[in-house]
PDB file of all heavy atoms in Angstrom:
ATOM      1  N   LYS A   1       7.003   4.203  10.603  1.00  0.00           N
ATOM      2  CA  LYS A   1       7.192   5.025  11.795  1.00  0.00           C
ATOM      3  C   LYS A   1       6.846   6.475  11.483  1.00  0.00           C
ATOM      4  O   LYS A   1       7.094   6.962  10.380  1.00  0.00           O
ATOM      5  CB  LYS A   1       8.638   4.938  12.281  1.00  0.00           C
ATOM      6  CG  LYS A   1       9.012   3.564  12.773  1.00  0.00           C
ATOM      7  CD  LYS A   1      10.445   3.533  13.259  1.00  0.00           C
ATOM      8  CE  LYS A   1      10.786   2.134  13.743  1.00  0.00           C
ATOM      9  NZ  LYS A   1      12.174   2.035  14.172  1.00  0.00           N
ATOM     10  N   ASN A   2       6.281   7.145  12.452  1.00  0.00           N
ATOM     11  CA  ASN A   2       5.949   8.573  12.369  1.00  0.00           C
ATOM     12  C   ASN A   2       4.939   8.894  11.274  1.00  0.00           C
ATOM     13  O   ASN A   2       4.964   9.983  10.701  1.00  0.00           O
ATOM     14  CB  ASN A   2       7.214   9.416  12.180  1.00  0.00           C
ATOM     15  CG  ASN A   2       8.217   9.196  13.291  1.00  0.00           C
ATOM     16  OD1 ASN A   2       7.854   9.113  14.464  1.00  0.00           O
ATOM     17  ND2 ASN A   2       9.478   9.070  12.928  1.00  0.00           N
ATOM     18  N   TRP A   3       4.082   7.946  10.951  1.00  0.00           N
ATOM     19  CA  TRP A   3       3.028   8.180   9.975  1.00  0.00           C
ATOM     20  C   TRP A   3       1.726   8.445  10.705  1.00  0.00           C
ATOM     21  O   TRP A   3       1.423   7.797  11.716  1.00  0.00           O
ATOM     22  CB  TRP A   3       2.853   6.963   9.073  1.00  0.00           C
ATOM     23  CG  TRP A   3       3.804   6.890   7.926  1.00  0.00           C
ATOM     24  CD1 TRP A   3       5.032   7.447   7.823  1.00  0.00           C
ATOM     25  CD2 TRP A   3       3.588   6.178   6.707  1.00  0.00           C
ATOM     26  NE1 TRP A   3       5.605   7.134   6.618  1.00  0.00           N
ATOM     27  CE2 TRP A   3       4.731   6.353   5.910  1.00  0.00           C
ATOM     28  CE3 TRP A   3       2.546   5.419   6.221  1.00  0.00           C
ATOM     29  CZ2 TRP A   3       4.856   5.812   4.654  1.00  0.00           C
ATOM     30  CZ3 TRP A   3       2.668   4.858   4.963  1.00  0.00           C
ATOM     31  CH2 TRP A   3       3.813   5.062   4.189  1.00  0.00           C
ATOM     32  N   SER A   4       0.936   9.335  10.171  1.00  0.00           N
ATOM     33  CA  SER A   4      -0.396   9.575  10.731  1.00  0.00           C
ATOM     34  C   SER A   4      -1.304   8.395  10.396  1.00  0.00           C
ATOM     35  O   SER A   4      -1.033   7.624   9.471  1.00  0.00           O
ATOM     36  CB  SER A   4      -0.982  10.863  10.152  1.00  0.00           C
ATOM     37  OG  SER A   4      -1.262  10.682   8.776  1.00  0.00           O
ATOM     38  N   ALA A   5      -2.389   8.292  11.129  1.00  0.00           N
ATOM     39  CA  ALA A   5      -3.361   7.228  10.868  1.00  0.00           C
ATOM     40  C   ALA A   5      -3.933   7.360   9.455  1.00  0.00           C
ATOM     41  O   ALA A   5      -4.141   6.356   8.768  1.00  0.00           O
ATOM     42  CB  ALA A   5      -4.473   7.258  11.908  1.00  0.00           C
ATOM     43  N   ALA A   6      -4.154   8.587   9.006  1.00  0.00           N
ATOM     44  CA  ALA A   6      -4.709   8.812   7.661  1.00  0.00           C
ATOM     45  C   ALA A   6      -3.733   8.339   6.584  1.00  0.00           C
ATOM     46  O   ALA A   6      -4.140   7.719   5.594  1.00  0.00           O
ATOM     47  CB  ALA A   6      -5.037  10.284   7.469  1.00  0.00           C
ATOM     48  N   ARG A   7      -2.446   8.612   6.772  1.00  0.00           N
ATOM     49  CA  ARG A   7      -1.457   8.196   5.777  1.00  0.00           C
ATOM     50  C   ARG A   7      -1.337   6.669   5.758  1.00  0.00           C
ATOM     51  O   ARG A   7      -1.212   6.064   4.685  1.00  0.00           O
ATOM     52  CB  ARG A   7      -0.100   8.833   6.091  1.00  0.00           C
ATOM     53  CG  ARG A   7       0.931   8.552   5.027  1.00  0.00           C
ATOM     54  CD  ARG A   7       2.195   9.330   5.252  1.00  0.00           C
ATOM     55  NE  ARG A   7       3.180   8.994   4.233  1.00  0.00           N
ATOM     56  CZ  ARG A   7       4.447   9.337   4.266  1.00  0.00           C
ATOM     57  NH1 ARG A   7       4.904  10.056   5.257  1.00  0.00           N
ATOM     58  NH2 ARG A   7       5.271   8.990   3.316  1.00  0.00           N
ATOM     59  N   ARG A   8      -1.365   6.047   6.919  1.00  0.00           N
ATOM     60  CA  ARG A   8      -1.319   4.573   6.975  1.00  0.00           C
ATOM     61  C   ARG A   8      -2.522   3.973   6.259  1.00  0.00           C
ATOM     62  O   ARG A   8      -2.395   3.016   5.498  1.00  0.00           O
ATOM     63  CB  ARG A   8      -1.296   4.108   8.429  1.00  0.00           C
ATOM     64  CG  ARG A   8       0.043   4.159   9.066  1.00  0.00           C
ATOM     65  CD  ARG A   8       0.018   3.403  10.410  1.00  0.00           C
ATOM     66  NE  ARG A   8       1.320   3.441  10.999  1.00  0.00           N
ATOM     67  CZ  ARG A   8       1.638   4.193  12.048  1.00  0.00           C
ATOM     68  NH1 ARG A   8       0.727   4.935  12.634  1.00  0.00           N
ATOM     69  NH2 ARG A   8       2.851   4.178  12.514  1.00  0.00           N
ATOM     70  N   LEU A   9      -3.700   4.542   6.530  1.00  0.00           N
ATOM     71  CA  LEU A   9      -4.923   4.030   5.913  1.00  0.00           C
ATOM     72  C   LEU A   9      -4.865   4.177   4.397  1.00  0.00           C
ATOM     73  O   LEU A   9      -5.202   3.241   3.662  1.00  0.00           O
ATOM     74  CB  LEU A   9      -6.147   4.758   6.477  1.00  0.00           C
ATOM     75  CG  LEU A   9      -7.501   4.359   5.882  1.00  0.00           C
ATOM     76  CD1 LEU A   9      -7.804   2.890   6.186  1.00  0.00           C
ATOM     77  CD2 LEU A   9      -8.609   5.255   6.418  1.00  0.00           C
ATOM     78  N   LEU A  10      -4.425   5.331   3.917  1.00  0.00           N
ATOM     79  CA  LEU A  10      -4.323   5.563   2.476  1.00  0.00           C
ATOM     80  C   LEU A  10      -3.359   4.568   1.833  1.00  0.00           C
ATOM     81  O   LEU A  10      -3.668   3.961   0.802  1.00  0.00           O
ATOM     82  CB  LEU A  10      -3.867   6.996   2.196  1.00  0.00           C
ATOM     83  CG  LEU A  10      -3.650   7.357   0.731  1.00  0.00           C
ATOM     84  CD1 LEU A  10      -4.961   7.265  -0.041  1.00  0.00           C
ATOM     85  CD2 LEU A  10      -3.069   8.760   0.621  1.00  0.00           C
ATOM     86  N   SER A  11      -2.197   4.371   2.438  1.00  0.00           N
ATOM     87  CA  SER A  11      -1.198   3.462   1.887  1.00  0.00           C
ATOM     88  C   SER A  11      -1.698   2.018   1.880  1.00  0.00           C
ATOM     89  O   SER A  11      -1.577   1.312   0.879  1.00  0.00           O
ATOM     90  CB  SER A  11       0.094   3.572   2.697  1.00  0.00           C
ATOM     91  OG  SER A  11       1.050   2.659   2.221  1.00  0.00           O
ATOM     92  N   ARG A  12      -2.244   1.590   2.976  1.00  0.00           N
ATOM     93  CA  ARG A  12      -2.743   0.202   3.049  1.00  0.00           C
ATOM     94  C   ARG A  12      -3.903  -0.017   2.082  1.00  0.00           C
ATOM     95  O   ARG A  12      -3.991  -1.066   1.438  1.00  0.00           O
ATOM     96  CB  ARG A  12      -3.148  -0.138   4.473  1.00  0.00           C
ATOM     97  CG  ARG A  12      -1.942  -0.333   5.385  1.00  0.00           C
ATOM     98  CD  ARG A  12      -2.285  -1.250   6.534  1.00  0.00           C
ATOM     99  NE  ARG A  12      -1.141  -1.453   7.391  1.00  0.00           N
ATOM    100  CZ  ARG A  12      -0.312  -2.489   7.295  1.00  0.00           C
ATOM    101  NH1 ARG A  12      -0.491  -3.398   6.379  1.00  0.00           N
ATOM    102  NH2 ARG A  12       0.704  -2.618   8.128  1.00  0.00           N
ATOM    103  N   THR A  13      -4.773   0.976   1.950  1.00  0.00           N
ATOM    104  CA  THR A  13      -5.898   0.860   1.022  1.00  0.00           C
ATOM    105  C   THR A  13      -5.404   0.781  -0.420  1.00  0.00           C
ATOM    106  O   THR A  13      -5.874  -0.054  -1.195  1.00  0.00           O
ATOM    107  CB  THR A  13      -6.873   2.046   1.199  1.00  0.00           C
ATOM    108  OG1 THR A  13      -7.340   2.054   2.551  1.00  0.00           O
ATOM    109  CG2 THR A  13      -8.043   1.947   0.247  1.00  0.00           C
ATOM    110  N   ALA A  14      -4.452   1.640  -0.773  1.00  0.00           N
ATOM    111  CA  ALA A  14      -3.898   1.619  -2.136  1.00  0.00           C
ATOM    112  C   ALA A  14      -3.266   0.265  -2.442  1.00  0.00           C
ATOM    113  O   ALA A  14      -3.450  -0.284  -3.535  1.00  0.00           O
ATOM    114  CB  ALA A  14      -2.871   2.741  -2.295  1.00  0.00           C
ATOM    115  N   ASN A  15      -2.540  -0.282  -1.493  1.00  0.00           N
ATOM    116  CA  ASN A  15      -1.919  -1.593  -1.700  1.00  0.00           C
ATOM    117  C   ASN A  15      -2.961  -2.703  -1.788  1.00  0.00           C
ATOM    118  O   ASN A  15      -2.834  -3.609  -2.605  1.00  0.00           O
ATOM    119  CB  ASN A  15      -0.899  -1.884  -0.591  1.00  0.00           C
ATOM    120  CG  ASN A  15       0.433  -1.248  -0.892  1.00  0.00           C
ATOM    121  OD1 ASN A  15       1.141  -1.673  -1.786  1.00  0.00           O
ATOM    122  ND2 ASN A  15       0.755  -0.197  -0.158  1.00  0.00           N
ATOM    123  N   HIS A  16      -3.988  -2.628  -0.971  1.00  0.00           N
ATOM    124  CA  HIS A  16      -5.060  -3.629  -1.011  1.00  0.00           C
ATOM    125  C   HIS A  16      -5.766  -3.611  -2.376  1.00  0.00           C
ATOM    126  O   HIS A  16      -6.007  -4.659  -2.979  1.00  0.00           O
ATOM    127  CB  HIS A  16      -6.061  -3.364   0.121  1.00  0.00           C
ATOM    128  CG  HIS A  16      -7.197  -4.324   0.162  1.00  0.00           C
ATOM    129  ND1 HIS A  16      -7.056  -5.629   0.582  1.00  0.00           N
ATOM    130  CD2 HIS A  16      -8.495  -4.177  -0.191  1.00  0.00           C
ATOM    131  CE1 HIS A  16      -8.223  -6.242   0.488  1.00  0.00           C
ATOM    132  NE2 HIS A  16      -9.109  -5.369   0.026  1.00  0.00           N
ATOM    133  N   ILE A  17      -6.058  -2.415  -2.855  1.00  0.00           N
ATOM    134  CA  ILE A  17      -6.719  -2.279  -4.159  1.00  0.00           C
ATOM    135  C   ILE A  17      -5.804  -2.791  -5.277  1.00  0.00           C
ATOM    136  O   ILE A  17      -6.245  -3.515  -6.171  1.00  0.00           O
ATOM    137  CB  ILE A  17      -7.142  -0.810  -4.409  1.00  0.00           C
ATOM    138  CG1 ILE A  17      -8.290  -0.446  -3.456  1.00  0.00           C
ATOM    139  CG2 ILE A  17      -7.552  -0.590  -5.858  1.00  0.00           C
ATOM    140  CD1 ILE A  17      -8.613   1.032  -3.425  1.00  0.00           C
ATOM    141  N   ALA A  18      -4.512  -2.424  -5.217  1.00  0.00           N
ATOM    142  CA  ALA A  18      -3.568  -2.871  -6.252  1.00  0.00           C
ATOM    143  C   ALA A  18      -3.464  -4.397  -6.280  1.00  0.00           C
ATOM    144  O   ALA A  18      -3.447  -5.003  -7.357  1.00  0.00           O
ATOM    145  CB  ALA A  18      -2.187  -2.257  -6.010  1.00  0.00           C
ATOM    146  N   ARG A  19      -3.426  -5.009  -5.108  1.00  0.00           N
ATOM    147  CA  ARG A  19      -3.362  -6.478  -5.068  1.00  0.00           C
ATOM    148  C   ARG A  19      -4.645  -7.087  -5.623  1.00  0.00           C
ATOM    149  O   ARG A  19      -4.607  -8.043  -6.401  1.00  0.00           O
ATOM    150  CB  ARG A  19      -3.126  -6.966  -3.629  1.00  0.00           C
ATOM    151  CG  ARG A  19      -1.696  -6.845  -3.179  1.00  0.00           C
ATOM    152  CD  ARG A  19      -1.418  -7.603  -1.884  1.00  0.00           C
ATOM    153  NE  ARG A  19      -2.336  -7.280  -0.802  1.00  0.00           N
ATOM    154  CZ  ARG A  19      -2.194  -6.271   0.043  1.00  0.00           C
ATOM    155  NH1 ARG A  19      -1.142  -5.480  -0.076  1.00  0.00           N
ATOM    156  NH2 ARG A  19      -3.065  -6.048   1.004  1.00  0.00           N
ATOM    157  N   GLY A  20      -5.790  -6.524  -5.229  1.00  0.00           N
ATOM    158  CA  GLY A  20      -7.063  -7.088  -5.665  1.00  0.00           C
ATOM    159  C   GLY A  20      -7.337  -6.894  -7.140  1.00  0.00           C
ATOM    160  O   GLY A  20      -7.716  -7.836  -7.848  1.00  0.00           O
ATOM    161  N   VAL A  21      -7.128  -5.689  -7.638  1.00  0.00           N
ATOM    162  CA  VAL A  21      -7.460  -5.366  -9.029  1.00  0.00           C
ATOM    163  C   VAL A  21      -6.429  -5.938 -10.003  1.00  0.00           C
ATOM    164  O   VAL A  21      -6.782  -6.460 -11.059  1.00  0.00           O
ATOM    165  CB  VAL A  21      -7.584  -3.836  -9.217  1.00  0.00           C
ATOM    166  CG1 VAL A  21      -7.722  -3.455 -10.673  1.00  0.00           C
ATOM    167  CG2 VAL A  21      -8.760  -3.295  -8.403  1.00  0.00           C
ATOM    168  N   LEU A  22      -5.150  -5.866  -9.638  1.00  0.00           N
ATOM    169  CA  LEU A  22      -4.085  -6.272 -10.560  1.00  0.00           C
ATOM    170  C   LEU A  22      -3.532  -7.666 -10.272  1.00  0.00           C
ATOM    171  O   LEU A  22      -2.684  -8.156 -11.023  1.00  0.00           O
ATOM    172  CB  LEU A  22      -2.940  -5.256 -10.519  1.00  0.00           C
ATOM    173  CG  LEU A  22      -3.309  -3.825 -10.916  1.00  0.00           C
ATOM    174  CD1 LEU A  22      -2.141  -2.886 -10.688  1.00  0.00           C
ATOM    175  CD2 LEU A  22      -3.784  -3.770 -12.359  1.00  0.00           C
ATOM    176  N   GLY A  23      -3.954  -8.264  -9.188  1.00  0.00           N
ATOM    177  CA  GLY A  23      -3.455  -9.595  -8.841  1.00  0.00           C
ATOM    178  C   GLY A  23      -2.006  -9.600  -8.403  1.00  0.00           C
ATOM    179  O   GLY A  23      -1.311 -10.605  -8.575  1.00  0.00           O
ATOM    180  N   LEU A  24      -1.566  -8.506  -7.821  1.00  0.00           N
ATOM    181  CA  LEU A  24      -0.173  -8.430  -7.380  1.00  0.00           C
ATOM    182  C   LEU A  24       0.048  -9.325  -6.171  1.00  0.00           C
ATOM    183  O   LEU A  24      -0.810  -9.433  -5.299  1.00  0.00           O
ATOM    184  CB  LEU A  24       0.210  -6.986  -7.039  1.00  0.00           C
ATOM    185  CG  LEU A  24       0.167  -5.995  -8.203  1.00  0.00           C
ATOM    186  CD1 LEU A  24       0.526  -4.599  -7.731  1.00  0.00           C
ATOM    187  CD2 LEU A  24       1.098  -6.436  -9.310  1.00  0.00           C
ATOM    188  N   LYS A  25       1.210  -9.933  -6.117  1.00  0.00           N
ATOM    189  CA  LYS A  25       1.533 -10.849  -5.018  1.00  0.00           C
ATOM    190  C   LYS A  25       2.299 -10.161  -3.897  1.00  0.00           C
ATOM    191  O   LYS A  25       2.493 -10.740  -2.839  1.00  0.00           O
ATOM    192  CB  LYS A  25       2.322 -12.033  -5.559  1.00  0.00           C
ATOM    193  CG  LYS A  25       1.512 -12.880  -6.527  1.00  0.00           C
ATOM    194  CD  LYS A  25       2.333 -14.027  -7.069  1.00  0.00           C
ATOM    195  CE  LYS A  25       1.463 -14.927  -7.921  1.00  0.00           C
ATOM    196  NZ  LYS A  25       1.586 -14.687  -9.324  1.00  0.00           N
ATOM    197  N   VAL A  26       2.766  -8.945  -4.114  1.00  0.00           N
ATOM    198  CA  VAL A  26       3.549  -8.242  -3.098  1.00  0.00           C
ATOM    199  C   VAL A  26       2.628  -7.517  -2.119  1.00  0.00           C
ATOM    200  O   VAL A  26       1.483  -7.200  -2.445  1.00  0.00           O
ATOM    201  CB  VAL A  26       4.544  -7.242  -3.724  1.00  0.00           C
ATOM    202  CG1 VAL A  26       5.499  -7.946  -4.671  1.00  0.00           C
ATOM    203  CG2 VAL A  26       3.829  -6.117  -4.444  1.00  0.00           C
ATOM    204  N   LYS A  27       3.148  -7.246  -0.946  1.00  0.00           N
ATOM    205  CA  LYS A  27       2.377  -6.554   0.088  1.00  0.00           C
ATOM    206  C   LYS A  27       2.505  -5.040   0.004  1.00  0.00           C
ATOM    207  O   LYS A  27       1.670  -4.322   0.516  1.00  0.00           O
ATOM    208  CB  LYS A  27       2.819  -7.036   1.468  1.00  0.00           C
ATOM    209  CG  LYS A  27       2.511  -8.492   1.710  1.00  0.00           C
ATOM    210  CD  LYS A  27       3.011  -8.940   3.065  1.00  0.00           C
ATOM    211  CE  LYS A  27       2.696 -10.418   3.245  1.00  0.00           C
ATOM    212  NZ  LYS A  27       3.266 -10.953   4.476  1.00  0.00           N
ATOM    213  N   ASP A  28       3.597  -4.554  -0.622  1.00  0.00           N
ATOM    214  CA  ASP A  28       3.861  -3.116  -0.638  1.00  0.00           C
ATOM    215  C   ASP A  28       4.208  -2.640  -2.045  1.00  0.00           C
ATOM    216  O   ASP A  28       5.345  -2.264  -2.334  1.00  0.00           O
ATOM    217  CB  ASP A  28       4.984  -2.795   0.343  1.00  0.00           C
ATOM    218  CG  ASP A  28       5.029  -1.333   0.743  1.00  0.00           C
ATOM    219  OD1 ASP A  28       4.277  -0.526   0.157  1.00  0.00           O
ATOM    220  OD2 ASP A  28       5.814  -0.992   1.635  1.00  0.00           O
ATOM    221  N   ALA A  29       3.208  -2.633  -2.914  1.00  0.00           N
ATOM    222  CA  ALA A  29       3.419  -2.245  -4.315  1.00  0.00           C
ATOM    223  C   ALA A  29       3.662  -0.747  -4.482  1.00  0.00           C
ATOM    224  O   ALA A  29       4.182  -0.318  -5.514  1.00  0.00           O
ATOM    225  CB  ALA A  29       2.216  -2.657  -5.155  1.00  0.00           C
ATOM    226  N   THR A  30       3.306   0.069  -3.491  1.00  0.00           N
ATOM    227  CA  THR A  30       3.470   1.518  -3.619  1.00  0.00           C
ATOM    228  C   THR A  30       4.817   2.007  -3.089  1.00  0.00           C
ATOM    229  O   THR A  30       5.123   3.192  -3.209  1.00  0.00           O
ATOM    230  CB  THR A  30       2.337   2.262  -2.884  1.00  0.00           C
ATOM    231  OG1 THR A  30       2.388   1.948  -1.493  1.00  0.00           O
ATOM    232  CG2 THR A  30       0.980   1.910  -3.463  1.00  0.00           C
ATOM    233  N   ALA A  31       5.609   1.116  -2.517  1.00  0.00           N
ATOM    234  CA  ALA A  31       6.889   1.514  -1.932  1.00  0.00           C
ATOM    235  C   ALA A  31       7.837   2.066  -2.985  1.00  0.00           C
ATOM    236  O   ALA A  31       7.935   1.530  -4.084  1.00  0.00           O
ATOM    237  CB  ALA A  31       7.534   0.323  -1.220  1.00  0.00           C
ATOM    238  N   GLY A  32       8.572   3.118  -2.619  1.00  0.00           N
ATOM    239  CA  GLY A  32       9.494   3.750  -3.551  1.00  0.00           C
ATOM    240  C   GLY A  32      10.951   3.395  -3.345  1.00  0.00           C
ATOM    241  O   GLY A  32      11.798   3.784  -4.135  1.00  0.00           O
ATOM    242  N   PHE A  33      11.271   2.663  -2.279  1.00  0.00           N
ATOM    243  CA  PHE A  33      12.658   2.263  -2.012  1.00  0.00           C
ATOM    244  C   PHE A  33      12.852   0.902  -2.651  1.00  0.00           C
ATOM    245  O   PHE A  33      12.335  -0.110  -2.186  1.00  0.00           O
ATOM    246  CB  PHE A  33      12.871   2.201  -0.502  1.00  0.00           C
ATOM    247  CG  PHE A  33      14.312   2.171  -0.056  1.00  0.00           C
ATOM    248  CD1 PHE A  33      15.364   2.492  -0.895  1.00  0.00           C
ATOM    249  CD2 PHE A  33      14.606   1.844   1.259  1.00  0.00           C
ATOM    250  CE1 PHE A  33      16.672   2.468  -0.452  1.00  0.00           C
ATOM    251  CE2 PHE A  33      15.915   1.823   1.716  1.00  0.00           C
ATOM    252  CZ  PHE A  33      16.942   2.140   0.863  1.00  0.00           C
ATOM    253  N   ARG A  34      13.596   0.870  -3.767  1.00  0.00           N
ATOM    254  CA  ARG A  34      13.671  -0.334  -4.601  1.00  0.00           C
ATOM    255  C   ARG A  34      15.057  -0.534  -5.181  1.00  0.00           C
ATOM    256  O   ARG A  34      15.800   0.410  -5.392  1.00  0.00           O
ATOM    257  CB  ARG A  34      12.688  -0.214  -5.769  1.00  0.00           C
ATOM    258  CG  ARG A  34      11.255  -0.178  -5.326  1.00  0.00           C
ATOM    259  CD  ARG A  34      10.327   0.227  -6.444  1.00  0.00           C
ATOM    260  NE  ARG A  34       8.959   0.026  -5.993  1.00  0.00           N
ATOM    261  CZ  ARG A  34       8.070  -0.708  -6.623  1.00  0.00           C
ATOM    262  NH1 ARG A  34       8.362  -1.275  -7.767  1.00  0.00           N
ATOM    263  NH2 ARG A  34       6.856  -0.849  -6.134  1.00  0.00           N
TER     264      ARG A  34
END
């Protein structure tokens, strides 16, 4: 919520790359609430 389109794109791209390059199974590897 309340994210700009640019921030959403950056976050989704980073997660897509992390899943592809590292073989991660999670959808939100960049999340900080853990």
